[in-house]
C-alpha cells in the first residue's frame, strides 16, 4: 500500500467549495457537478441524493463519532479523494465510472452497491477496531452484495473478515483470487527452496504481507500482480503468482 502526499501551502475555501452536513436528513438533494474542496457528513442520513460528476478533494462521508448513511444515492462519474477513517454506510448506491483514491476504511459498510471505474489505494475492513467499536457500538462492518466487476483495483485490500464470496470481484489476467488461505502457506513452503537467495528474500517479503492480510481473520484474498512490479523484480512477482495459481487450481 503506497499513499503519497505533499505540501502545497495554504488555500482559501469559499462557502461554495465546502459542504458540511451535521445530523441532516435529506431526500433527493442534488449535488451533481459540484467542485468541492471538502465534503463532510456527521451523523446524517441521505436517500436518493445525486452526487453525479462531483469532484471532491477531501471527501469525509463519515465524520464525527456517529455513522452517516447513504441509501440509493448516485456517485456516477465522481472524482473523489477520500479522507481517512470515518463511519459511513452505503446501501444500494451507484458508483459508475468513478475515480476514487485513498479510501482507507476501518468502519465503512457497503451493501449491494455497484461500481465501475478506478479505485486507487484502498483498504476495507470486516471488523471494527476496538477503539472505534466502543464509539459506534458495533464490532463488525456489513459488507456484501457489492459488484466490483467493472472496477480497476490499484493497491486495494480486503481485511479482517470480509467475505469475498459475497462480492462480485474484478477478473482478468492481472488479478488472482485466492479462495483459501492455505495457498499462501503452500507457496511459502515452495519459495523456501528457491536457490536464488535474492529472489527468495523478495518473495518472502511479499508472502509476509499476504500473511499479515490473513492474520485478522480474512479467509480469501484478491491480488493484483502489477501492484508489486514497482517494488520487486517482475520475474520474482510472476514466479510467485504462478505458484499461488498452482495451489488455487489444485
Protein backbone atom coordinates (compact mmCIF):
# COMPACT_ATOMS: atom_id res chain seq x y z
CA UNK A 1 0.00 0.00 0.00
CA UNK A 2 1.52 3.32 -1.08
CA UNK A 3 -0.10 6.67 -0.25
CA UNK A 4 1.68 9.77 -1.47
CA UNK A 5 1.18 13.29 -0.12
CA UNK A 6 2.91 16.60 -0.49
CA UNK A 7 2.51 20.03 1.00
CA UNK A 8 1.03 22.67 -1.28
CA UNK A 9 0.77 25.58 1.16
CA UNK A 10 -2.36 27.35 2.32
CA UNK A 11 -5.59 27.62 0.34
CA UNK A 12 -8.71 29.68 0.90
CA UNK A 13 -12.02 27.82 0.95
CA UNK A 14 -15.10 29.70 -0.15
CA UNK A 15 -18.60 28.78 1.02
CA UNK A 16 -19.49 27.12 -2.26
CA UNK A 17 -16.43 24.85 -2.07
CA UNK A 18 -17.26 23.28 1.29
CA UNK A 19 -20.31 21.27 2.39
CA UNK A 20 -20.74 20.06 5.97
CA UNK A 21 -23.86 18.08 6.84
CA UNK A 22 -24.43 17.83 10.58
CA UNK A 23 -27.23 15.39 11.52
CA UNK A 24 -29.03 16.22 8.28
CA UNK A 25 -31.95 14.19 6.93
CA UNK A 26 -32.09 14.66 3.16
CA UNK A 27 -34.01 13.08 0.30
CA UNK A 28 -33.31 13.77 -3.35
CA UNK A 29 -30.75 16.51 -2.74
CA UNK A 30 -28.78 17.38 -5.88
CA UNK A 31 -25.03 17.96 -5.53
CA UNK A 32 -24.20 16.90 -9.07
CA UNK A 33 -21.37 18.61 -10.90
CA UNK A 34 -20.09 20.44 -7.83
CA UNK A 35 -16.36 21.06 -7.42
CA UNK A 36 -15.61 20.88 -3.72
CA UNK A 37 -12.51 21.17 -1.65
CA UNK A 38 -14.29 19.48 1.23
CA UNK A 39 -17.40 17.40 1.86
CA UNK A 40 -18.18 16.16 5.36
CA UNK A 41 -21.15 14.30 6.78
CA UNK A 42 -21.71 13.90 10.52
CA UNK A 43 -24.40 11.53 11.74
CA UNK A 44 -26.54 12.24 8.67
CA UNK A 45 -28.95 10.19 6.57
CA UNK A 46 -29.19 10.78 2.81
CA UNK A 47 -31.57 8.94 0.50
CA UNK A 48 -31.65 9.13 -3.31
CA UNK A 49 -29.25 12.08 -3.37
CA UNK A 50 -27.31 12.89 -6.52
CA UNK A 51 -23.52 13.24 -6.39
CA UNK A 52 -23.00 12.54 -10.10
CA UNK A 53 -19.92 14.17 -11.66
CA UNK A 54 -18.81 15.76 -8.38
CA UNK A 55 -15.14 16.46 -7.79
CA UNK A 56 -14.13 16.40 -4.13
CA UNK A 57 -10.60 16.96 -2.92
CA UNK A 58 -11.34 15.71 0.62
CA UNK A 59 -14.47 13.55 0.96
CA UNK A 60 -15.31 12.64 4.56
CA UNK A 61 -18.57 10.74 4.28
CA UNK A 62 -18.42 9.61 7.91
CA UNK A 63 -17.03 12.43 10.03
CA UNK A 64 -17.65 12.77 13.75
CA UNK A 65 -18.48 9.88 16.07
CA UNK A 66 -21.76 8.71 14.52
CA UNK A 67 -22.44 6.76 11.35
CA UNK A 68 -23.72 8.60 8.28
CA UNK A 69 -25.89 6.54 5.95
CA UNK A 70 -26.28 6.92 2.18
CA UNK A 71 -29.16 4.94 0.69
CA UNK A 72 -29.75 4.66 -3.08
CA UNK A 73 -27.52 7.65 -3.77
CA UNK A 74 -25.66 8.03 -7.06
CA UNK A 75 -21.99 8.96 -7.45
CA UNK A 76 -21.71 8.27 -11.18
CA UNK A 77 -18.75 9.97 -12.80
CA UNK A 78 -17.47 11.28 -9.45
CA UNK A 79 -13.80 12.05 -8.83
CA UNK A 80 -13.09 11.84 -5.10
CA UNK A 81 -10.11 11.72 -2.78
CA UNK A 82 -11.27 10.19 0.47
CA UNK A 83 -10.41 11.48 3.91
CA UNK A 84 -9.04 8.74 6.20
CA UNK A 85 -11.20 6.67 8.52
CA UNK A 86 -14.81 7.62 9.04
CA UNK A 87 -18.09 5.97 9.98
CA UNK A 88 -20.23 5.58 6.86
CA UNK A 89 -22.76 3.14 5.46
CA UNK A 90 -23.65 2.91 1.75
CA UNK A 91 -26.71 0.90 0.71
CA UNK A 92 -27.69 0.24 -2.93
CA UNK A 93 -25.58 3.16 -4.14
CA UNK A 94 -24.28 3.56 -7.69
CA UNK A 95 -20.60 4.36 -8.33
CA UNK A 96 -20.33 4.04 -12.12
CA UNK A 97 -17.30 5.45 -13.97
CA UNK A 98 -15.75 6.85 -10.80
CA UNK A 99 -12.20 7.61 -9.76
CA UNK A 100 -11.78 7.13 -6.01
CA UNK A 101 -8.45 7.48 -4.23
CA UNK A 102 -7.18 6.69 -0.72
CA UNK A 103 -10.31 5.02 0.66
CA UNK A 104 -8.79 3.62 3.87
CA UNK A 105 -11.80 2.24 5.75
CA UNK A 106 -11.98 0.87 9.26
CA UNK A 107 -15.71 1.34 9.91
CA UNK A 108 -17.29 1.71 6.47
CA UNK A 109 -20.12 -0.56 5.36
CA UNK A 110 -21.03 -1.33 1.73
CA UNK A 111 -24.22 -3.22 0.90
CA UNK A 112 -25.49 -4.00 -2.62
CA UNK A 113 -23.52 -1.18 -4.27
CA UNK A 114 -22.37 -1.21 -7.91
CA UNK A 115 -19.00 0.10 -9.05
CA UNK A 116 -17.10 0.78 -12.25
CA UNK A 117 -14.06 2.92 -12.98
CA UNK A 118 -10.90 3.08 -10.88
CA UNK A 119 -10.20 2.57 -7.19
CA UNK A 120 -6.66 3.63 -6.32
CA UNK A 121 -5.31 2.76 -2.84
CA UNK A 122 -8.00 1.36 -0.58
CA UNK A 123 -8.41 -0.92 2.43
CA UNK A 124 -11.76 -2.33 3.51
CA UNK A 125 -12.17 -3.99 6.90
CA UNK A 126 -14.69 -6.55 8.06
CA UNK A 127 -14.25 -5.90 11.76
CA UNK A 128 -14.14 -2.58 13.59
CA UNK A 129 -11.00 -1.78 15.62
CA UNK A 130 -11.63 -1.82 19.36
CA UNK A 131 -11.24 1.93 19.82
CA UNK A 132 -13.78 2.66 17.09
CA UNK A 133 -16.14 -0.15 18.14
CA UNK A 134 -16.52 1.49 21.53
CA UNK A 135 -17.60 4.71 19.81
CA UNK A 136 -20.15 3.39 17.33
CA UNK A 137 -21.37 0.34 19.24
CA UNK A 138 -20.64 -2.43 16.73
CA UNK A 139 -17.76 -4.82 16.16
CA UNK A 140 -18.30 -5.78 12.52
CA UNK A 141 -18.94 -3.99 9.25
CA UNK A 142 -21.74 -5.20 7.00
CA UNK A 143 -20.16 -5.78 3.60
CA UNK A 144 -21.94 -7.89 0.97
CA UNK A 145 -23.71 -7.88 -2.38
CA UNK A 146 -21.31 -5.38 -3.96
CA UNK A 147 -20.44 -5.56 -7.65
CA UNK A 148 -16.82 -4.53 -8.33
CA UNK A 149 -16.56 -6.50 -11.57
CA UNK A 150 -16.07 -3.40 -13.77
CA UNK A 151 -13.72 -1.68 -11.32
CA UNK A 152 -9.96 -1.40 -11.84
CA UNK A 153 -8.29 -2.05 -8.48
CA UNK A 154 -4.90 -0.45 -7.75
CA UNK A 155 -3.45 -1.37 -4.33
CA UNK A 156 -6.81 -2.48 -2.92
CA UNK A 157 -7.00 -4.83 0.07
CA UNK A 158 -9.77 -6.60 1.96
CA UNK A 159 -9.01 -7.29 5.61
CA UNK A 160 -10.32 -8.74 8.87
CA UNK A 161 -13.08 -10.99 7.69
CA UNK A 162 -14.73 -9.53 4.59
CA UNK A 163 -16.33 -12.47 2.80
CA UNK A 164 -15.22 -12.12 -0.80
CA UNK A 165 -17.63 -14.87 -1.87
CA UNK A 166 -20.38 -12.33 -1.17
CA UNK A 167 -18.94 -9.79 -3.65
CA UNK A 168 -18.54 -9.74 -7.43
CA UNK A 169 -14.84 -9.07 -7.95
CA UNK A 170 -12.71 -7.81 -10.85
CA UNK A 171 -11.18 -10.51 -13.01
CA UNK A 172 -8.56 -10.77 -15.72
CA UNK A 173 -5.01 -11.98 -16.18
CA UNK A 174 -3.59 -9.37 -13.76
CA UNK A 175 -5.85 -10.47 -10.89
CA UNK A 176 -5.58 -13.56 -8.74
CA UNK A 177 -8.36 -14.67 -6.44
CA UNK A 178 -7.29 -16.96 -3.60
CA UNK A 179 -10.35 -18.73 -2.19
CA UNK A 180 -8.36 -20.39 0.61
CA UNK A 181 -5.61 -19.09 2.88
CA UNK A 182 -3.80 -22.41 2.53
CA UNK A 183 -2.47 -21.25 -0.85
CA UNK A 184 -0.16 -18.82 0.93
CA UNK A 185 1.27 -21.46 3.27
CA UNK A 186 1.83 -23.82 0.34
CA UNK A 187 3.58 -21.14 -1.67
CA UNK A 188 5.77 -20.17 1.27
CA UNK A 189 7.00 -23.75 1.58
CA UNK A 190 7.91 -23.83 -2.11
CA UNK A 191 9.64 -20.44 -2.09
CA UNK A 192 11.78 -21.60 0.83
CA UNK A 193 13.51 -23.97 -1.59
CA UNK A 194 14.42 -21.36 -4.20
CA UNK A 195 18.16 -21.37 -4.93
CA UNK A 196 18.33 -17.66 -5.80
CA UNK A 197 18.77 -16.01 -2.40
CA UNK A 198 17.78 -12.52 -3.54
CA UNK A 199 14.66 -13.76 -5.31
CA UNK A 200 13.76 -15.87 -2.29
CA UNK A 201 14.14 -12.87 0.02
CA UNK A 202 11.96 -10.63 -2.17
CA UNK A 203 9.27 -13.31 -2.49
CA UNK A 204 9.24 -13.85 1.26
CA UNK A 205 8.59 -10.15 1.81
CA UNK A 206 5.50 -10.41 -0.40
CA UNK A 207 4.40 -13.56 1.40
CA UNK A 208 4.76 -11.85 4.77
CA UNK A 209 2.43 -9.10 3.51
CA UNK A 210 -0.09 -11.76 2.47
CA UNK A 211 0.18 -13.43 5.87
CA UNK A 212 -0.46 -10.09 7.51
CA UNK A 213 -3.57 -9.64 5.37
CA UNK A 214 -4.82 -13.03 6.59
CA UNK A 215 -3.89 -12.52 10.24
CA UNK A 216 -7.07 -10.65 11.19
CA UNK A 217 -9.49 -13.33 10.07
CA UNK A 218 -9.55 -12.78 6.32
CA UNK A 219 -10.22 -16.09 4.54
CA UNK A 220 -9.94 -15.07 0.86
CA UNK A 221 -7.66 -12.63 -0.95
CA UNK A 222 -7.82 -10.76 -4.24
CA UNK A 223 -4.34 -9.94 -5.52
CA UNK A 224 -3.05 -7.91 -8.44
CA UNK A 225 0.40 -8.78 -9.72
CA UNK A 226 1.20 -5.37 -11.16
CA UNK A 227 0.79 -3.75 -7.74
CA UNK A 228 4.15 -5.29 -6.85
CA UNK A 229 6.03 -4.58 -10.08
CA UNK A 230 7.26 -1.16 -8.95
CA UNK A 231 8.77 -2.63 -5.77
CA UNK A 232 10.04 -6.09 -6.72
CA UNK A 233 11.56 -7.59 -9.86
CA UNK A 234 8.82 -8.61 -12.26
CA UNK A 235 10.17 -12.13 -12.72
CA UNK A 236 10.04 -12.72 -8.95
CA UNK A 237 6.44 -11.50 -8.75
CA UNK A 238 5.39 -13.58 -11.75
CA UNK A 239 7.06 -16.73 -10.38
CA UNK A 240 5.40 -16.22 -7.02
CA UNK A 241 1.97 -15.68 -8.56
CA UNK A 242 2.48 -18.79 -10.68
CA UNK A 243 2.94 -20.83 -7.51
CA UNK A 244 -0.11 -19.25 -5.92
CA UNK A 245 -2.18 -20.10 -9.02
CA UNK A 246 -1.00 -23.70 -8.97
CA UNK A 247 -2.32 -24.20 -5.46
CA UNK A 248 -5.55 -22.36 -6.24
CA UNK A 249 -6.20 -24.61 -9.22
CA UNK A 250 -5.32 -27.78 -7.34
